[in-house]
Amino acid sequence: MTDGAEGGRVAALRSAAAAVADAERLVERERDVLREVARAARSEGMSMYRIAQVTGYTEPRVARLVRD
């Protein structure tokens, strides 16, 4: 049997794992939105340089987002 303190640590770890999973889902969703916005901006003629300035990413990162 586990004592109360150990059970509390297990619960805290499960809670932390759930929070990490939620954060990962949020990051993936935001990345998808950014990818779509970058593609749309590029198709409208916005330069990679300008997209990089607006998003805060580097030009190579924007190029990967648009390409993938």
N, C-alpha and C. Protein backbone atom coordinates (compact mmCIF):
# COMPACT_ATOMS: atom_id res chain seq x y z
N MET A 1 0.84 -1.19 0.00
CA MET A 1 0.00 0.00 0.00
C MET A 1 0.88 1.24 0.00
N THR A 2 0.37 2.27 -0.57
CA THR A 2 1.10 3.53 -0.57
C THR A 2 0.59 4.40 0.56
N ASP A 3 1.50 5.20 1.10
CA ASP A 3 1.05 6.12 2.14
C ASP A 3 0.46 7.36 1.48
N GLY A 4 -0.09 8.25 2.26
CA GLY A 4 -0.75 9.43 1.73
C GLY A 4 0.16 10.34 0.93
N ALA A 5 1.40 10.49 1.40
CA ALA A 5 2.34 11.38 0.71
C ALA A 5 2.69 10.84 -0.67
N GLU A 6 2.90 9.54 -0.76
CA GLU A 6 3.24 8.95 -2.05
C GLU A 6 2.06 9.04 -3.01
N GLY A 7 0.87 8.82 -2.52
CA GLY A 7 -0.33 8.94 -3.35
C GLY A 7 -0.50 10.37 -3.86
N GLY A 8 -0.15 11.34 -3.01
CA GLY A 8 -0.22 12.74 -3.43
C GLY A 8 0.77 13.06 -4.53
N ARG A 9 1.96 12.47 -4.43
CA ARG A 9 2.97 12.69 -5.47
C ARG A 9 2.53 12.07 -6.79
N VAL A 10 1.94 10.90 -6.72
CA VAL A 10 1.44 10.24 -7.94
C VAL A 10 0.37 11.10 -8.59
N ALA A 11 -0.54 11.63 -7.80
CA ALA A 11 -1.60 12.48 -8.32
C ALA A 11 -1.02 13.75 -8.94
N ALA A 12 0.00 14.31 -8.29
CA ALA A 12 0.64 15.52 -8.82
C ALA A 12 1.33 15.23 -10.14
N LEU A 13 1.97 14.07 -10.25
CA LEU A 13 2.62 13.70 -11.51
C LEU A 13 1.60 13.50 -12.62
N ARG A 14 0.49 12.87 -12.31
CA ARG A 14 -0.56 12.68 -13.31
C ARG A 14 -1.12 14.01 -13.77
N SER A 15 -1.30 14.92 -12.82
CA SER A 15 -1.81 16.25 -13.14
C SER A 15 -0.82 17.01 -14.02
N ALA A 16 0.46 16.91 -13.70
CA ALA A 16 1.49 17.57 -14.50
C ALA A 16 1.55 16.97 -15.90
N ALA A 17 1.42 15.66 -16.01
CA ALA A 17 1.44 15.00 -17.32
C ALA A 17 0.25 15.46 -18.16
N ALA A 18 -0.90 15.61 -17.54
CA ALA A 18 -2.09 16.09 -18.25
C ALA A 18 -1.89 17.53 -18.72
N ALA A 19 -1.27 18.36 -17.89
CA ALA A 19 -1.00 19.75 -18.26
C ALA A 19 -0.04 19.82 -19.44
N VAL A 20 0.98 18.97 -19.44
CA VAL A 20 1.93 18.94 -20.56
C VAL A 20 1.22 18.51 -21.84
N ALA A 21 0.38 17.51 -21.76
CA ALA A 21 -0.36 17.04 -22.93
C ALA A 21 -1.27 18.15 -23.47
N ASP A 22 -1.93 18.89 -22.58
CA ASP A 22 -2.77 20.01 -23.01
C ASP A 22 -1.94 21.08 -23.69
N ALA A 23 -0.78 21.39 -23.15
CA ALA A 23 0.10 22.40 -23.74
C ALA A 23 0.59 21.96 -25.11
N GLU A 24 0.92 20.69 -25.26
CA GLU A 24 1.36 20.18 -26.56
C GLU A 24 0.25 20.30 -27.60
N ARG A 25 -0.98 20.01 -27.22
CA ARG A 25 -2.11 20.15 -28.15
C ARG A 25 -2.30 21.61 -28.54
N LEU A 26 -2.18 22.52 -27.58
CA LEU A 26 -2.32 23.95 -27.86
C LEU A 26 -1.24 24.43 -28.82
N VAL A 27 -0.01 24.02 -28.60
CA VAL A 27 1.10 24.43 -29.47
C VAL A 27 0.88 23.91 -30.88
N GLU A 28 0.45 22.67 -31.01
CA GLU A 28 0.20 22.10 -32.34
C GLU A 28 -0.92 22.86 -33.06
N ARG A 29 -1.97 23.21 -32.33
CA ARG A 29 -3.07 23.96 -32.92
C ARG A 29 -2.60 25.34 -33.38
N GLU A 30 -1.80 26.02 -32.55
CA GLU A 30 -1.28 27.33 -32.92
C GLU A 30 -0.34 27.24 -34.11
N ARG A 31 0.47 26.19 -34.17
CA ARG A 31 1.38 25.99 -35.29
C ARG A 31 0.59 25.80 -36.59
N ASP A 32 -0.51 25.04 -36.51
CA ASP A 32 -1.35 24.83 -37.69
C ASP A 32 -1.96 26.14 -38.18
N VAL A 33 -2.43 26.96 -37.24
CA VAL A 33 -2.99 28.26 -37.61
C VAL A 33 -1.92 29.14 -38.24
N LEU A 34 -0.74 29.19 -37.64
CA LEU A 34 0.35 29.99 -38.18
C LEU A 34 0.72 29.52 -39.58
N ARG A 35 0.76 28.22 -39.78
CA ARG A 35 1.10 27.65 -41.09
C ARG A 35 0.09 28.12 -42.14
N GLU A 36 -1.19 28.07 -41.81
CA GLU A 36 -2.23 28.49 -42.76
C GLU A 36 -2.15 29.99 -43.05
N VAL A 37 -1.90 30.78 -42.02
CA VAL A 37 -1.77 32.23 -42.22
C VAL A 37 -0.56 32.54 -43.09
N ALA A 38 0.56 31.88 -42.83
CA ALA A 38 1.78 32.12 -43.62
C ALA A 38 1.55 31.72 -45.07
N ARG A 39 0.89 30.61 -45.30
CA ARG A 39 0.60 30.18 -46.68
C ARG A 39 -0.30 31.18 -47.39
N ALA A 40 -1.34 31.64 -46.69
CA ALA A 40 -2.26 32.61 -47.29
C ALA A 40 -1.55 33.92 -47.59
N ALA A 41 -0.72 34.38 -46.66
CA ALA A 41 0.02 35.63 -46.89
C ALA A 41 0.96 35.49 -48.07
N ARG A 42 1.62 34.36 -48.16
CA ARG A 42 2.56 34.14 -49.26
C ARG A 42 1.81 34.08 -50.59
N SER A 43 0.65 33.44 -50.60
CA SER A 43 -0.12 33.35 -51.85
C SER A 43 -0.65 34.71 -52.27
N GLU A 44 -0.78 35.63 -51.32
CA GLU A 44 -1.21 37.00 -51.63
C GLU A 44 -0.04 37.90 -52.00
N GLY A 45 1.16 37.34 -52.02
CA GLY A 45 2.31 38.10 -52.46
C GLY A 45 3.18 38.69 -51.37
N MET A 46 2.88 38.41 -50.11
CA MET A 46 3.71 38.93 -49.03
C MET A 46 5.05 38.21 -49.04
N SER A 47 6.12 38.94 -48.83
CA SER A 47 7.46 38.35 -48.86
C SER A 47 7.73 37.52 -47.61
N MET A 48 8.64 36.58 -47.77
CA MET A 48 9.04 35.76 -46.62
C MET A 48 9.63 36.65 -45.53
N TYR A 49 10.37 37.67 -45.94
CA TYR A 49 10.97 38.60 -44.99
C TYR A 49 9.89 39.27 -44.14
N ARG A 50 8.84 39.74 -44.78
CA ARG A 50 7.76 40.44 -44.07
C ARG A 50 7.00 39.48 -43.15
N ILE A 51 6.72 38.27 -43.63
CA ILE A 51 6.05 37.28 -42.80
C ILE A 51 6.90 36.98 -41.57
N ALA A 52 8.22 36.87 -41.77
CA ALA A 52 9.13 36.60 -40.66
C ALA A 52 9.10 37.75 -39.65
N GLN A 53 9.08 38.99 -40.14
CA GLN A 53 9.02 40.14 -39.24
C GLN A 53 7.75 40.11 -38.39
N VAL A 54 6.63 39.84 -39.03
CA VAL A 54 5.34 39.87 -38.34
C VAL A 54 5.22 38.73 -37.33
N THR A 55 5.68 37.54 -37.69
CA THR A 55 5.52 36.38 -36.82
C THR A 55 6.61 36.25 -35.78
N GLY A 56 7.77 36.86 -36.03
CA GLY A 56 8.88 36.71 -35.11
C GLY A 56 9.74 35.49 -35.40
N TYR A 57 9.39 34.74 -36.43
CA TYR A 57 10.20 33.59 -36.83
C TYR A 57 11.27 34.02 -37.82
N THR A 58 12.24 33.16 -38.03
CA THR A 58 13.27 33.44 -39.04
C THR A 58 12.71 33.10 -40.42
N GLU A 59 13.34 33.66 -41.45
CA GLU A 59 12.90 33.37 -42.81
C GLU A 59 12.96 31.87 -43.14
N PRO A 60 14.03 31.15 -42.76
CA PRO A 60 14.03 29.71 -43.04
C PRO A 60 12.87 28.98 -42.35
N ARG A 61 12.52 29.40 -41.14
CA ARG A 61 11.40 28.77 -40.43
C ARG A 61 10.09 29.04 -41.17
N VAL A 62 9.90 30.27 -41.62
CA VAL A 62 8.70 30.61 -42.38
C VAL A 62 8.65 29.80 -43.67
N ALA A 63 9.80 29.67 -44.33
CA ALA A 63 9.85 28.89 -45.57
C ALA A 63 9.43 27.44 -45.32
N ARG A 64 9.87 26.87 -44.20
CA ARG A 64 9.48 25.49 -43.87
C ARG A 64 7.98 25.41 -43.59
N LEU A 65 7.44 26.41 -42.90
CA LEU A 65 6.01 26.42 -42.61
C LEU A 65 5.19 26.49 -43.89
N VAL A 66 5.61 27.34 -44.80
CA VAL A 66 4.88 27.53 -46.05
C VAL A 66 5.01 26.30 -46.94
N ARG A 67 6.19 25.70 -46.96
CA ARG A 67 6.46 24.57 -47.84
C ARG A 67 5.77 23.30 -47.36
N ASP A 68 5.78 23.04 -46.07
CA ASP A 68 5.25 21.77 -45.54
C ASP A 68 3.75 21.68 -45.61
